[in-house]
């Protein structure tokens, strides 16, 4: 693995009316919710503190809330009296509805198991709630509220009429038989179907919820409702209402955004190197599109470790291992002479010690902390693009910005998946389906417009090149206008 010299610091363009100071406790990533973000606007500061107190046991949600609210201070300053009178921010950070329910199911040994299911319907001011379902042991209300909150802004940035929501269960599909997964999904849908609909709430897949799970969920919904309501779930199989290019959408969309961001700064993609954390759909198709642009992807990872191939990762091999065999990334080295495997040891993930120009975290939240960010900057990283939801801690984001590293926030850069899900809903409504090329072209246009919105808002509010602030401001302004227009609800 290669290392490099530390880059000279660049000027960090702070927010117009706020200086954000982040203090991370020595314990590191698990304490990120204790970061102190200082704002000057008294109304905004009060909302942040009250929300933290009210949700003290939900660190992931607090982190997401602070990150967004601290960056929209210039907008709040302009509309302080109006927002405060209507408690707009207080309503924004409170979900419209949180549904929690038990999910009993029978395993292959005949033993009854019980999991917990959730649906967080966060904000429906611009359209039906839209957001994935996550099946993973780590799922809890805090994680789903953070994901649902992020989803509001991500969906608003697409320009499409979809609100924000998220759901899931602490059920782990790994190691379960198809029959066990089917029985769980059917039990989960027995309750969820009461709360969703193509004009109400449209779930999709997320971690642990792929084509198999969506199929079982849709079948049970159809049986219970006795109606073929194709638009109630997205990420469906092509045989029963799915959209072409949906599988590729998040990864491709990430690279479309990165292309626009780097083009804005006159940086050529061709000839650059990249590392991509993760090896699921997002990572695989980001790698595929990166290769089309002449970028050499030298490393990919999973939860166990990473593979490094100085000649460039063979994406077809990764696809076969992960999509066909459902295997581990370390199997790659058995098929490619010269490739190396590095196992996670509980410290900085080894993939982030590999030198590369472009960093694409596509795994899970809080994957890159301050220590990791320092290594990446020292190794000469020029840009970071979030393919996952909130994979970078606040202090790490600030460090990247302070050191001139271009940063593409997840709510903008990984919006391609939900954008194409919305296009799937359109096709379901039309009972007509576009070609792969048509969907991919629409995705490219959407991602290009998302970058333009982030850029324009950052420029308008004096934070040029800060796309974190630009994304939050652009999305917030749209949501705030919709909430104001609809009254106090």
Protein backbone atom coordinates (compact mmCIF):
# COMPACT_ATOMS: atom_id res chain seq x y z
CA UNK A 1 0.00 0.00 0.00
CA UNK A 2 1.19 3.49 -0.81
CA UNK A 3 1.40 6.55 1.40
CA UNK A 4 1.99 10.19 0.57
CA UNK A 5 2.90 13.60 1.91
CA UNK A 6 0.41 15.87 3.66
CA UNK A 7 -1.12 18.47 1.35
CA UNK A 8 -0.80 22.18 2.23
CA UNK A 9 -3.96 23.57 3.87
CA UNK A 10 -6.48 25.62 1.92
CA UNK A 11 -8.85 28.36 3.08
CA UNK A 12 -12.06 26.91 4.52
CA UNK A 13 -15.09 29.00 3.50
CA UNK A 14 -17.19 29.26 6.65
CA UNK A 15 -20.91 29.91 6.80
CA UNK A 16 -22.09 33.51 6.58
CA UNK A 17 -23.39 33.87 10.11
CA UNK A 18 -21.98 30.88 11.91
CA UNK A 19 -18.68 29.35 12.81
CA UNK A 20 -19.01 25.66 13.48
CA UNK A 21 -16.64 24.30 16.08
CA UNK A 22 -16.55 20.53 16.43
CA UNK A 23 -15.07 18.98 19.55
CA UNK A 24 -14.84 15.19 19.46
CA UNK A 25 -14.26 13.30 22.67
CA UNK A 26 -11.24 10.95 22.81
CA UNK A 27 -13.44 7.85 22.59
CA UNK A 28 -13.84 8.59 18.88
CA UNK A 29 -16.49 7.45 16.46
CA UNK A 30 -19.00 6.14 19.00
CA UNK A 31 -19.07 9.56 20.66
CA UNK A 32 -19.65 11.57 17.50
CA UNK A 33 -23.09 12.61 18.73
CA UNK A 34 -21.36 14.58 21.49
CA UNK A 35 -19.85 16.95 18.94
CA UNK A 36 -20.45 20.60 19.85
CA UNK A 37 -21.78 22.62 16.92
CA UNK A 38 -22.05 26.30 17.80
CA UNK A 39 -24.53 28.57 16.05
CA UNK A 40 -25.25 32.23 16.70
CA UNK A 41 -28.94 32.36 15.85
CA UNK A 42 -30.73 32.00 19.22
CA UNK A 43 -33.84 30.35 17.76
CA UNK A 44 -31.79 27.79 15.86
CA UNK A 45 -29.55 27.10 18.86
CA UNK A 46 -32.62 26.61 21.06
CA UNK A 47 -34.19 24.13 18.64
CA UNK A 48 -30.95 22.12 18.43
CA UNK A 49 -30.59 21.92 22.22
CA UNK A 50 -34.24 21.03 22.80
CA UNK A 51 -34.10 18.34 20.11
CA UNK A 52 -30.94 16.87 21.63
CA UNK A 53 -32.55 16.77 25.07
CA UNK A 54 -35.75 15.21 23.75
CA UNK A 55 -33.85 12.55 21.79
CA UNK A 56 -30.92 12.02 24.17
CA UNK A 57 -30.80 8.26 23.54
CA UNK A 58 -30.73 8.58 19.75
CA UNK A 59 -27.14 9.55 18.80
CA UNK A 60 -27.43 8.86 15.07
CA UNK A 61 -30.51 11.05 14.75
CA UNK A 62 -28.90 13.84 16.79
CA UNK A 63 -25.83 13.75 14.55
CA UNK A 64 -27.92 14.04 11.36
CA UNK A 65 -30.10 16.78 12.85
CA UNK A 66 -27.13 18.89 14.01
CA UNK A 67 -25.35 18.51 10.68
CA UNK A 68 -28.33 19.85 8.77
CA UNK A 69 -29.52 22.57 11.13
CA UNK A 70 -26.06 24.04 11.67
CA UNK A 71 -25.63 24.60 7.93
CA UNK A 72 -28.98 26.29 7.26
CA UNK A 73 -28.34 29.19 9.65
CA UNK A 74 -28.04 31.78 6.84
CA UNK A 75 -31.58 30.89 5.69
CA UNK A 76 -32.96 30.88 9.23
CA UNK A 77 -31.43 34.31 9.82
CA UNK A 78 -33.46 35.69 6.91
CA UNK A 79 -36.73 34.13 8.08
CA UNK A 80 -36.26 33.91 11.85
CA UNK A 81 -39.52 35.54 12.95
CA UNK A 82 -41.62 33.64 10.42
CA UNK A 83 -40.06 30.26 11.24
CA UNK A 84 -40.21 30.82 14.99
CA UNK A 85 -43.83 31.96 14.94
CA UNK A 86 -44.85 28.82 13.04
CA UNK A 87 -42.44 26.50 14.92
CA UNK A 88 -41.22 25.37 11.51
CA UNK A 89 -37.93 23.94 12.71
CA UNK A 90 -39.54 22.17 15.66
CA UNK A 91 -41.98 20.52 13.24
CA UNK A 92 -39.19 19.70 10.78
CA UNK A 93 -37.19 17.66 13.32
CA UNK A 94 -40.21 15.78 14.65
CA UNK A 95 -41.46 12.83 12.55
CA UNK A 96 -45.06 13.05 11.47
CA UNK A 97 -45.45 9.45 12.56
CA UNK A 98 -43.33 6.63 14.04
CA UNK A 99 -44.83 3.15 13.83
CA UNK A 100 -43.35 0.29 15.86
CA UNK A 101 -44.67 -3.27 15.86
CA UNK A 102 -43.73 -6.85 16.68
CA UNK A 103 -42.98 -9.35 13.92
CA UNK A 104 -43.47 -13.00 14.93
CA UNK A 105 -42.34 -15.69 12.49
CA UNK A 106 -41.50 -19.40 12.51
CA UNK A 107 -38.00 -20.64 11.67
CA UNK A 108 -37.19 -23.90 9.86
CA UNK A 109 -37.02 -25.79 13.18
CA UNK A 110 -40.58 -24.80 14.03
CA UNK A 111 -39.46 -22.33 16.70
CA UNK A 112 -41.31 -19.02 16.93
CA UNK A 113 -39.00 -15.99 16.65
CA UNK A 114 -39.94 -12.38 17.40
CA UNK A 115 -38.38 -9.27 15.87
CA UNK A 116 -39.31 -5.59 15.97
CA UNK A 117 -40.49 -3.69 12.92
CA UNK A 118 -40.59 0.06 12.28
CA UNK A 119 -41.77 2.65 9.80
CA UNK A 120 -40.79 6.29 10.31
CA UNK A 121 -42.97 8.59 8.19
CA UNK A 122 -40.93 11.73 8.68
CA UNK A 123 -42.24 14.42 6.32
CA UNK A 124 -44.80 14.18 3.54
CA UNK A 125 -45.04 17.85 2.59
CA UNK A 126 -43.84 17.41 -1.00
CA UNK A 127 -45.15 13.93 -1.76
CA UNK A 128 -45.83 10.43 -0.39
CA UNK A 129 -43.27 9.21 2.13
CA UNK A 130 -40.42 7.49 0.29
CA UNK A 131 -37.51 5.58 1.71
CA UNK A 132 -36.07 2.11 2.07
CA UNK A 133 -36.53 -0.78 4.45
CA UNK A 134 -33.43 -2.00 6.28
CA UNK A 135 -33.19 -5.52 7.75
CA UNK A 136 -30.13 -5.66 10.01
CA UNK A 137 -29.46 -6.43 13.71
CA UNK A 138 -28.30 -2.83 14.27
CA UNK A 139 -31.68 -1.36 13.32
CA UNK A 140 -33.31 0.76 16.01
CA UNK A 141 -35.45 3.87 16.17
CA UNK A 142 -32.47 6.25 16.24
CA UNK A 143 -30.94 4.85 13.05
CA UNK A 144 -34.26 4.89 11.22
CA UNK A 145 -35.01 8.44 12.34
CA UNK A 146 -31.60 9.57 11.13
CA UNK A 147 -32.15 7.82 7.80
CA UNK A 148 -35.67 9.19 7.49
CA UNK A 149 -34.53 12.72 8.30
CA UNK A 150 -31.76 12.52 5.69
CA UNK A 151 -34.28 11.12 3.22
CA UNK A 152 -36.46 14.25 3.42
CA UNK A 153 -33.61 16.39 2.10
CA UNK A 154 -32.30 13.84 -0.37
CA UNK A 155 -35.74 13.40 -1.93
CA UNK A 156 -36.31 17.16 -2.09
CA UNK A 157 -33.02 17.58 -3.98
CA UNK A 158 -34.17 15.21 -6.74
CA UNK A 159 -36.85 17.70 -7.78
CA UNK A 160 -39.39 14.87 -7.75
CA UNK A 161 -42.61 14.83 -5.67
CA UNK A 162 -41.57 12.48 -2.86
CA UNK A 163 -41.45 12.98 0.90
CA UNK A 164 -39.10 11.34 3.38
CA UNK A 165 -39.44 8.13 5.37
CA UNK A 166 -37.56 5.00 6.39
CA UNK A 167 -38.30 1.65 7.96
CA UNK A 168 -37.02 -1.81 8.73
CA UNK A 169 -36.40 -4.42 11.36
CA UNK A 170 -33.66 -5.86 13.56
CA UNK A 171 -34.15 -9.14 11.64
CA UNK A 172 -30.95 -10.44 10.04
CA UNK A 173 -31.52 -12.20 6.69
CA UNK A 174 -27.93 -13.48 6.64
CA UNK A 175 -27.79 -17.22 7.25
CA UNK A 176 -31.55 -17.61 6.89
CA UNK A 177 -33.15 -19.91 4.36
CA UNK A 178 -35.38 -18.54 1.62
CA UNK A 179 -38.40 -19.97 3.44
CA UNK A 180 -37.42 -18.27 6.70
CA UNK A 181 -36.95 -14.93 4.91
CA UNK A 182 -40.32 -15.40 3.18
CA UNK A 183 -42.14 -16.12 6.44
CA UNK A 184 -40.55 -13.11 8.11
CA UNK A 185 -41.39 -10.80 5.19
CA UNK A 186 -44.99 -12.00 5.15
CA UNK A 187 -45.37 -11.36 8.87
CA UNK A 188 -43.70 -7.95 8.54
CA UNK A 189 -46.06 -6.96 5.73
CA UNK A 190 -49.13 -8.10 7.69
CA UNK A 191 -48.68 -4.95 9.79
CA UNK A 192 -46.85 -2.65 7.38
CA UNK A 193 -49.64 -2.85 4.78
CA UNK A 194 -51.91 -0.85 7.08
CA UNK A 195 -49.65 2.18 6.74
CA UNK A 196 -48.44 2.23 3.11
CA UNK A 197 -49.83 2.77 -0.41
CA UNK A 198 -48.67 4.22 -3.71
CA UNK A 199 -50.11 7.63 -2.75
CA UNK A 200 -49.31 7.31 0.97
CA UNK A 201 -45.92 5.72 1.63
CA UNK A 202 -43.71 3.83 -0.84
CA UNK A 203 -40.94 1.71 0.72
CA UNK A 204 -37.98 0.31 -1.21
CA UNK A 205 -34.94 -1.81 -0.39
CA UNK A 206 -31.94 -0.92 1.73
CA UNK A 207 -29.32 -2.96 3.61
CA UNK A 208 -30.56 -6.54 3.91
CA UNK A 209 -33.53 -5.95 1.62
CA UNK A 210 -32.89 -6.92 -1.98
CA UNK A 211 -34.93 -8.34 -4.84
CA UNK A 212 -35.81 -11.49 -2.89
CA UNK A 213 -37.21 -9.60 0.09
CA UNK A 214 -39.06 -7.04 -2.05
CA UNK A 215 -40.69 -9.90 -3.95
CA UNK A 216 -41.95 -11.59 -0.79
CA UNK A 217 -43.16 -8.27 0.63
CA UNK A 218 -45.00 -7.35 -2.55
CA UNK A 219 -46.63 -10.77 -2.83
CA UNK A 220 -48.01 -10.56 0.69
CA UNK A 221 -49.25 -6.99 0.13
CA UNK A 222 -51.05 -8.10 -3.03
CA UNK A 223 -52.65 -11.06 -1.27
CA UNK A 224 -53.89 -9.03 1.70
CA UNK A 225 -55.14 -6.04 -0.31
CA UNK A 226 -56.42 -8.08 -3.28
CA UNK A 227 -55.17 -5.39 -5.65
CA UNK A 228 -52.22 -5.13 -8.03
CA UNK A 229 -50.87 -1.81 -6.77
CA UNK A 230 -47.45 -1.91 -8.45
CA UNK A 231 -46.39 1.52 -7.17
CA UNK A 232 -46.57 0.57 -3.49
CA UNK A 233 -42.99 -0.78 -3.45
CA UNK A 234 -39.97 0.06 -5.58
CA UNK A 235 -36.93 -2.01 -6.40
CA UNK A 236 -39.24 -4.71 -7.75
CA UNK A 237 -38.20 -7.38 -10.23
CA UNK A 238 -38.50 -6.47 -13.90
CA UNK A 239 -41.16 -9.16 -14.34
CA UNK A 240 -43.66 -7.40 -12.09
CA UNK A 241 -43.16 -3.66 -12.37
CA UNK A 242 -39.52 -2.92 -11.68
CA UNK A 243 -37.48 -0.40 -13.60
CA UNK A 244 -34.45 -0.98 -15.76
CA UNK A 245 -31.30 0.69 -14.39
CA UNK A 246 -32.61 0.66 -10.79
CA UNK A 247 -29.89 -1.73 -9.63
CA UNK A 248 -27.17 0.49 -11.05
CA UNK A 249 -28.79 3.81 -10.12
CA UNK A 250 -27.17 4.76 -6.80
CA UNK A 251 -23.65 3.86 -7.89
CA UNK A 252 -24.02 5.43 -11.33
CA UNK A 253 -25.68 8.50 -9.83
CA UNK A 254 -22.79 8.92 -7.40
CA UNK A 255 -20.36 9.04 -10.31
CA UNK A 256 -22.55 11.44 -12.30
CA UNK A 257 -22.46 13.83 -9.32
CA UNK A 258 -18.70 13.35 -8.89
CA UNK A 259 -18.19 14.02 -12.61
CA UNK A 260 -20.04 17.34 -12.33
CA UNK A 261 -18.27 18.37 -9.13
CA UNK A 262 -14.80 17.61 -10.48
CA UNK A 263 -15.62 19.22 -13.83
CA UNK A 264 -16.64 22.39 -11.96
CA UNK A 265 -13.11 22.47 -10.52
CA UNK A 266 -11.47 21.58 -13.86
CA UNK A 267 -10.27 18.18 -12.64
CA UNK A 268 -10.05 15.36 -15.20
CA UNK A 269 -11.47 11.98 -14.18
CA UNK A 270 -9.41 10.00 -16.66
CA UNK A 271 -6.23 8.66 -15.10
CA UNK A 272 -7.32 9.12 -11.48
CA UNK A 273 -7.33 6.32 -8.89
CA UNK A 274 -10.13 5.49 -6.44
CA UNK A 275 -10.89 3.35 -3.41
CA UNK A 276 -14.45 2.26 -2.71
CA UNK A 277 -15.53 0.99 0.69
CA UNK A 278 -18.21 -1.66 0.43
CA UNK A 279 -18.96 -4.24 -2.26
CA UNK A 280 -22.74 -4.15 -2.52
CA UNK A 281 -24.79 -2.67 -5.34
CA UNK A 282 -23.73 0.92 -4.70
CA UNK A 283 -20.02 0.11 -4.57
CA UNK A 284 -20.08 -2.28 -7.53
CA UNK A 285 -21.86 0.06 -9.91
CA UNK A 286 -19.94 3.12 -8.76
CA UNK A 287 -16.81 1.13 -9.61
CA UNK A 288 -18.24 0.13 -12.98
CA UNK A 289 -19.08 3.73 -13.94
CA UNK A 290 -15.76 4.98 -12.56
CA UNK A 291 -13.94 2.55 -14.86
CA UNK A 292 -15.96 3.92 -17.82
CA UNK A 293 -14.61 7.37 -16.95
CA UNK A 294 -11.02 6.11 -16.97
CA UNK A 295 -10.66 5.92 -13.19
CA UNK A 296 -8.68 2.97 -11.83
CA UNK A 297 -10.41 1.49 -8.78
CA UNK A 298 -7.60 -0.08 -6.76
CA UNK A 299 -9.46 -1.31 -3.66
CA UNK A 300 -12.89 -2.47 -2.46
CA UNK A 301 -14.02 -3.90 0.86
CA UNK A 302 -16.64 -5.61 2.97
CA UNK A 303 -17.13 -5.84 6.74
CA UNK A 304 -14.20 -8.29 7.09
CA UNK A 305 -11.49 -6.48 5.16
CA UNK A 306 -10.42 -5.15 1.78
CA UNK A 307 -8.74 -6.26 -1.42
CA UNK A 308 -6.06 -4.17 -3.11
CA UNK A 309 -5.18 -4.65 -6.76
CA UNK A 310 -2.59 -2.19 -8.06
CA UNK A 311 -3.62 -3.02 -11.64
CA UNK A 312 -7.23 -2.09 -10.95
CA UNK A 313 -10.08 -4.14 -9.48
CA UNK A 314 -11.79 -6.49 -11.94
CA UNK A 315 -15.42 -5.48 -11.42
CA UNK A 316 -16.81 -8.60 -13.10
CA UNK A 317 -15.04 -10.77 -10.53
CA UNK A 318 -16.48 -8.73 -7.68
CA UNK A 319 -19.95 -8.96 -9.23
CA UNK A 320 -19.67 -12.74 -9.43
CA UNK A 321 -18.45 -13.11 -5.85
CA UNK A 322 -21.02 -10.77 -4.30
CA UNK A 323 -24.07 -11.13 -6.55
CA UNK A 324 -23.87 -14.80 -7.60
CA UNK A 325 -21.96 -16.56 -4.84
CA UNK A 326 -22.92 -14.11 -2.07
CA UNK A 327 -19.36 -14.60 -0.89
CA UNK A 328 -16.71 -12.51 0.86
CA UNK A 329 -14.45 -10.02 -0.88
CA UNK A 330 -11.32 -11.94 0.15
CA UNK A 331 -12.19 -14.57 -2.46
CA UNK A 332 -11.02 -12.03 -5.05
CA UNK A 333 -7.33 -12.73 -4.33
CA UNK A 334 -7.81 -16.40 -5.21
CA UNK A 335 -8.65 -15.39 -8.78
CA UNK A 336 -6.24 -12.50 -9.34
CA UNK A 337 -2.52 -12.98 -8.96
CA UNK A 338 -0.86 -9.99 -7.36
CA UNK A 339 -3.97 -8.83 -5.51
CA UNK A 340 -3.68 -8.49 -1.73
CA UNK A 341 -6.18 -8.91 1.09
CA UNK A 342 -6.05 -6.91 4.33
CA UNK A 343 -8.27 -7.92 7.23
CA UNK A 344 -9.99 -5.42 9.51
CA UNK A 345 -8.35 -5.29 12.93
CA UNK A 346 -10.74 -2.92 14.71
CA UNK A 347 -8.70 0.23 14.06
CA UNK A 348 -8.76 2.34 10.89
CA UNK A 349 -10.20 0.16 8.12
CA UNK A 350 -7.27 -0.94 5.94
CA UNK A 351 -8.90 0.31 2.75
CA UNK A 352 -8.49 3.89 3.96
CA UNK A 353 -4.72 3.43 4.30
CA UNK A 354 -4.41 2.90 0.55
CA UNK A 355 -3.37 5.94 -1.48
CA UNK A 356 -5.95 7.16 -4.01
CA UNK A 357 -7.21 10.39 -5.58
CA UNK A 358 -10.94 9.74 -5.10
CA UNK A 359 -12.52 8.23 -1.98
CA UNK A 360 -16.00 6.71 -2.24
CA UNK A 361 -17.41 5.44 1.09
CA UNK A 362 -20.30 3.17 0.07
CA UNK A 363 -20.74 0.98 3.15
CA UNK A 364 -22.40 2.34 6.29
CA UNK A 365 -22.70 5.35 8.59
CA UNK A 366 -19.71 6.86 10.42
CA UNK A 367 -17.19 4.80 8.46
CA UNK A 368 -14.72 7.71 8.18
CA UNK A 369 -13.78 9.53 11.38
CA UNK A 370 -11.21 12.26 12.01
CA UNK A 371 -8.29 9.85 12.34
CA UNK A 372 -9.19 8.26 9.02
CA UNK A 373 -9.68 11.64 7.35
CA UNK A 374 -6.17 12.70 8.37
CA UNK A 375 -4.73 9.58 6.74
CA UNK A 376 -6.67 10.18 3.53
CA UNK A 377 -5.58 13.81 3.31
CA UNK A 378 -1.96 12.85 4.00
CA UNK A 379 -2.23 10.34 1.17
CA UNK A 380 -3.25 13.05 -1.27
CA UNK A 381 -7.01 12.55 -1.63
CA UNK A 382 -8.58 15.25 -3.79
CA UNK A 383 -12.29 14.34 -3.51
CA UNK A 384 -14.68 12.32 -1.34
CA UNK A 385 -18.12 11.17 -2.53
CA UNK A 386 -20.57 9.63 -0.08
CA UNK A 387 -22.29 6.61 -1.62
CA UNK A 388 -23.62 5.51 1.78
CA UNK A 389 -25.83 7.48 4.18
CA UNK A 390 -23.77 9.67 6.54
CA UNK A 391 -20.55 7.61 6.28
CA UNK A 392 -18.41 10.57 7.39
CA UNK A 393 -18.41 12.08 10.88
CA UNK A 394 -18.80 15.88 11.27
CA UNK A 395 -15.20 16.46 12.37
CA UNK A 396 -13.94 14.43 9.42
CA UNK A 397 -16.06 16.49 7.00
CA UNK A 398 -14.65 19.71 8.45
CA UNK A 399 -11.11 18.36 8.15
CA UNK A 400 -11.63 17.52 4.48
CA UNK A 401 -13.03 20.99 3.78
CA UNK A 402 -10.26 22.73 5.73
CA UNK A 403 -7.68 20.88 3.64
CA UNK A 404 -9.19 21.64 0.26
CA UNK A 405 -10.68 18.19 -0.38
CA UNK A 406 -13.86 18.41 -2.45
CA UNK A 407 -16.72 16.77 -0.57
CA UNK A 408 -19.94 15.39 -2.06
CA UNK A 409 -22.51 14.77 0.75
CA UNK A 410 -24.62 11.63 0.62
CA UNK A 411 -27.99 13.34 0.56
CA UNK A 412 -26.96 14.77 -2.82
CA UNK A 413 -24.42 12.32 -4.21
CA UNK A 414 -26.29 9.08 -3.49
CA UNK A 415 -29.75 10.36 -4.42
CA UNK A 416 -29.70 8.41 -7.69
CA UNK A 417 -31.27 5.36 -6.11
CA UNK A 418 -34.35 7.10 -4.77
CA UNK A 419 -34.60 9.21 -7.92
CA UNK A 420 -34.83 6.06 -10.04
CA UNK A 421 -37.30 4.58 -7.56
CA UNK A 422 -39.46 7.63 -8.21
CA UNK A 423 -39.06 7.00 -11.93
CA UNK A 424 -40.23 3.43 -11.27
CA UNK A 425 -43.34 4.88 -9.61
CA UNK A 426 -43.97 7.02 -12.70
CA UNK A 427 -43.69 4.00 -14.98
CA UNK A 428 -46.03 2.00 -12.73
CA UNK A 429 -48.60 4.80 -12.94
CA UNK A 430 -48.31 4.94 -16.73
CA UNK A 431 -48.38 1.14 -17.07
CA UNK A 432 -45.58 1.69 -19.55
CA UNK A 433 -41.84 1.11 -19.21
CA UNK A 434 -38.88 3.06 -20.52
CA UNK A 435 -35.77 1.48 -21.98
CA UNK A 436 -32.55 1.17 -19.98
CA UNK A 437 -31.06 4.03 -21.99
CA UNK A 438 -34.04 6.29 -21.29
CA UNK A 439 -33.95 5.67 -17.53
CA UNK A 440 -30.19 6.10 -17.36
CA UNK A 441 -30.41 9.36 -19.33
CA UNK A 442 -33.09 10.69 -16.97
CA UNK A 443 -30.91 9.68 -14.00
CA UNK A 444 -27.92 11.54 -15.45
CA UNK A 445 -30.06 14.67 -15.93
CA UNK A 446 -31.42 14.47 -12.37
CA UNK A 447 -27.95 14.09 -10.82
CA UNK A 448 -26.59 16.95 -12.94
CA UNK A 449 -29.45 19.16 -11.72
CA UNK A 450 -28.83 18.12 -8.10
CA UNK A 451 -25.24 19.28 -8.37
CA UNK A 452 -26.42 22.54 -9.97
CA UNK A 453 -28.84 23.14 -7.07
CA UNK A 454 -26.11 22.49 -4.48
CA UNK A 455 -23.69 24.78 -6.31
CA UNK A 456 -26.25 27.58 -6.73
CA UNK A 457 -27.34 27.55 -3.08
CA UNK A 458 -23.75 27.46 -1.83
CA UNK A 459 -22.90 30.43 -4.05
CA UNK A 460 -26.02 32.40 -3.10
CA UNK A 461 -25.34 32.05 0.64
CA UNK A 462 -21.62 32.78 0.49
CA UNK A 463 -20.28 29.25 1.02
CA UNK A 464 -18.93 28.66 -2.48
CA UNK A 465 -17.58 25.10 -3.05
CA UNK A 466 -19.13 23.86 0.22
CA UNK A 467 -21.59 21.33 -1.18
CA UNK A 468 -22.59 20.07 2.27
CA UNK A 469 -24.09 23.46 3.08
CA UNK A 470 -25.32 23.89 -0.48
CA UNK A 471 -27.24 20.61 -0.44
CA UNK A 472 -28.84 21.27 2.94
CA UNK A 473 -29.84 24.82 2.06
CA UNK A 474 -31.30 23.91 -1.34
CA UNK A 475 -33.40 21.08 0.10
CA UNK A 476 -34.45 22.97 3.22
CA UNK A 477 -35.75 25.96 1.29
CA UNK A 478 -38.04 23.74 -0.79
CA UNK A 479 -39.33 21.81 2.22
CA UNK A 480 -39.85 24.98 4.27
CA UNK A 481 -41.91 26.59 1.51
CA UNK A 482 -44.11 23.49 1.21
CA UNK A 483 -44.63 23.26 4.98
CA UNK A 484 -45.51 26.95 5.21
CA UNK A 485 -48.01 26.70 2.35
CA UNK A 486 -49.85 23.79 4.01
CA UNK A 487 -50.40 25.43 7.38
CA UNK A 488 -49.77 24.15 10.89
CA UNK A 489 -50.13 20.37 10.56
